[in-house]
Amino acid sequence: MIGFHMLRNRRGDARYYRVDVAYNLFGEYSVLREWGQRGRPGATSGNRQITWFSNLRDACLAAEGWQKRAVKRGYGPLFND
């Protein structure tokens, strides 16, 4: 699985954006995108979308495009220490 997790924190509005590329059981590559607001227990604060690709190259190019758009919207890398 290839993936990246990003975080944006503006004016107390902490939001996350996640993209993961994975190989599925049907011989396809899937790109999972999740985004939403962090720190809202008990609330459905996130969205999820899965897109399928027939090869790894196309999946990685799409994931990279979504990452670039997220960076333009103010998201930055999230590091787990």
C-alpha atoms as a PDB file:
ATOM      1  CA  MET A   1       0.000   0.000   0.000  1.00  0.00           C
ATOM      2  CA  ILE A   2       1.247   3.456  -0.921  1.00  0.00           C
ATOM      3  CA  GLY A   3      -0.264   6.405   0.857  1.00  0.00           C
ATOM      4  CA  PHE A   4       0.030   9.825   2.373  1.00  0.00           C
ATOM      5  CA  HIS A   5      -1.811  11.639   5.124  1.00  0.00           C
ATOM      6  CA  MET A   6      -2.127  15.406   5.277  1.00  0.00           C
ATOM      7  CA  LEU A   7      -3.453  17.897   7.795  1.00  0.00           C
ATOM      8  CA  ARG A   8      -4.676  21.487   7.621  1.00  0.00           C
ATOM      9  CA  ASN A   9      -5.249  23.539  10.757  1.00  0.00           C
ATOM     10  CA  ARG A  10      -6.681  27.005  10.175  1.00  0.00           C
ATOM     11  CA  ARG A  11      -8.515  29.083  12.761  1.00  0.00           C
ATOM     12  CA  GLY A  12      -9.276  26.043  14.898  1.00  0.00           C
ATOM     13  CA  ASP A  13     -10.656  24.082  11.938  1.00  0.00           C
ATOM     14  CA  ALA A  14      -8.456  20.963  11.865  1.00  0.00           C
ATOM     15  CA  ARG A  15      -9.090  18.978   8.694  1.00  0.00           C
ATOM     16  CA  TYR A  16      -7.442  15.857   7.280  1.00  0.00           C
ATOM     17  CA  TYR A  17      -6.912  14.433   3.807  1.00  0.00           C
ATOM     18  CA  ARG A  18      -5.732  10.879   3.138  1.00  0.00           C
ATOM     19  CA  VAL A  19      -4.905   9.052  -0.080  1.00  0.00           C
ATOM     20  CA  ASP A  20      -3.946   5.358  -0.241  1.00  0.00           C
ATOM     21  CA  VAL A  21      -3.124   3.278  -3.318  1.00  0.00           C
ATOM     22  CA  ALA A  22      -3.629  -0.472  -2.956  1.00  0.00           C
ATOM     23  CA  TYR A  23      -3.846  -3.635  -5.068  1.00  0.00           C
ATOM     24  CA  ASN A  24      -7.181  -5.422  -4.730  1.00  0.00           C
ATOM     25  CA  LEU A  25      -8.259  -9.038  -5.171  1.00  0.00           C
ATOM     26  CA  PHE A  26      -9.612  -8.442  -8.678  1.00  0.00           C
ATOM     27  CA  GLY A  27      -6.245  -7.506 -10.178  1.00  0.00           C
ATOM     28  CA  GLU A  28      -6.974  -3.796 -10.091  1.00  0.00           C
ATOM     29  CA  TYR A  29      -5.462  -0.902  -8.206  1.00  0.00           C
ATOM     30  CA  SER A  30      -7.698   1.205  -6.048  1.00  0.00           C
ATOM     31  CA  VAL A  31      -7.151   4.719  -4.766  1.00  0.00           C
ATOM     32  CA  LEU A  32      -8.948   5.470  -1.509  1.00  0.00           C
ATOM     33  CA  ARG A  33      -9.436   9.134  -0.623  1.00  0.00           C
ATOM     34  CA  GLU A  34     -10.740  10.249   2.758  1.00  0.00           C
ATOM     35  CA  TRP A  35     -11.209  13.782   4.006  1.00  0.00           C
ATOM     36  CA  GLY A  36     -13.039  15.568   6.764  1.00  0.00           C
ATOM     37  CA  GLN A  37     -12.849  17.342  10.073  1.00  0.00           C
ATOM     38  CA  ARG A  38     -10.715  15.987  12.905  1.00  0.00           C
ATOM     39  CA  GLY A  39     -11.654  15.712  16.554  1.00  0.00           C
ATOM     40  CA  ARG A  40     -15.414  15.329  16.366  1.00  0.00           C
ATOM     41  CA  PRO A  41     -16.185  12.233  18.427  1.00  0.00           C
ATOM     42  CA  GLY A  42     -19.471  10.543  17.639  1.00  0.00           C
ATOM     43  CA  ALA A  43     -20.031  12.607  14.508  1.00  0.00           C
ATOM     44  CA  THR A  44     -19.733  11.440  10.932  1.00  0.00           C
ATOM     45  CA  SER A  45     -17.246  14.090   9.908  1.00  0.00           C
ATOM     46  CA  GLY A  46     -15.497  12.359   7.017  1.00  0.00           C
ATOM     47  CA  ASN A  47     -16.059  11.537   3.396  1.00  0.00           C
ATOM     48  CA  ARG A  48     -14.668   8.588   1.458  1.00  0.00           C
ATOM     49  CA  GLN A  49     -14.269   7.832  -2.236  1.00  0.00           C
ATOM     50  CA  ILE A  50     -12.690   4.835  -3.984  1.00  0.00           C
ATOM     51  CA  THR A  51     -11.553   4.947  -7.606  1.00  0.00           C
ATOM     52  CA  TRP A  52     -10.324   1.869  -9.503  1.00  0.00           C
ATOM     53  CA  PHE A  53      -7.535   1.724 -12.088  1.00  0.00           C
ATOM     54  CA  SER A  54      -6.287  -1.113 -14.293  1.00  0.00           C
ATOM     55  CA  ASN A  55      -2.588  -0.377 -13.660  1.00  0.00           C
ATOM     56  CA  LEU A  56      -0.344   1.010 -10.949  1.00  0.00           C
ATOM     57  CA  ARG A  57       1.005   3.863 -13.062  1.00  0.00           C
ATOM     58  CA  ASP A  58      -2.411   5.436 -13.620  1.00  0.00           C
ATOM     59  CA  ALA A  59      -3.343   4.978  -9.957  1.00  0.00           C
ATOM     60  CA  CYS A  60      -0.148   6.682  -8.776  1.00  0.00           C
ATOM     61  CA  LEU A  61      -0.543   9.551 -11.250  1.00  0.00           C
ATOM     62  CA  ALA A  62      -4.098  10.151 -10.020  1.00  0.00           C
ATOM     63  CA  ALA A  63      -3.006  10.008  -6.367  1.00  0.00           C
ATOM     64  CA  GLU A  64      -0.208  12.476  -7.074  1.00  0.00           C
ATOM     65  CA  GLY A  65      -2.684  14.854  -8.738  1.00  0.00           C
ATOM     66  CA  TRP A  66      -4.997  14.721  -5.714  1.00  0.00           C
ATOM     67  CA  GLN A  67      -2.017  15.347  -3.425  1.00  0.00           C
ATOM     68  CA  LYS A  68      -0.982  18.438  -5.410  1.00  0.00           C
ATOM     69  CA  ARG A  69      -4.521  19.847  -5.229  1.00  0.00           C
ATOM     70  CA  ALA A  70      -4.588  19.265  -1.464  1.00  0.00           C
ATOM     71  CA  VAL A  71      -1.281  21.119  -1.036  1.00  0.00           C
ATOM     72  CA  LYS A  72      -2.697  24.072  -2.989  1.00  0.00           C
ATOM     73  CA  ARG A  73      -5.632  24.136  -0.544  1.00  0.00           C
ATOM     74  CA  GLY A  74      -3.270  24.434   2.421  1.00  0.00           C
ATOM     75  CA  TYR A  75      -2.787  20.818   3.513  1.00  0.00           C
ATOM     76  CA  GLY A  76       0.640  19.753   4.692  1.00  0.00           C
ATOM     77  CA  PRO A  77       2.241  16.389   5.533  1.00  0.00           C
ATOM     78  CA  LEU A  78       1.281  14.706   8.790  1.00  0.00           C
ATOM     79  CA  PHE A  79       4.157  13.033  10.622  1.00  0.00           C
ATOM     80  CA  ASN A  80       3.594  10.477  13.376  1.00  0.00           C
ATOM     81  CA  ASP A  81       6.338  10.715  15.999  1.00  0.00           C
END
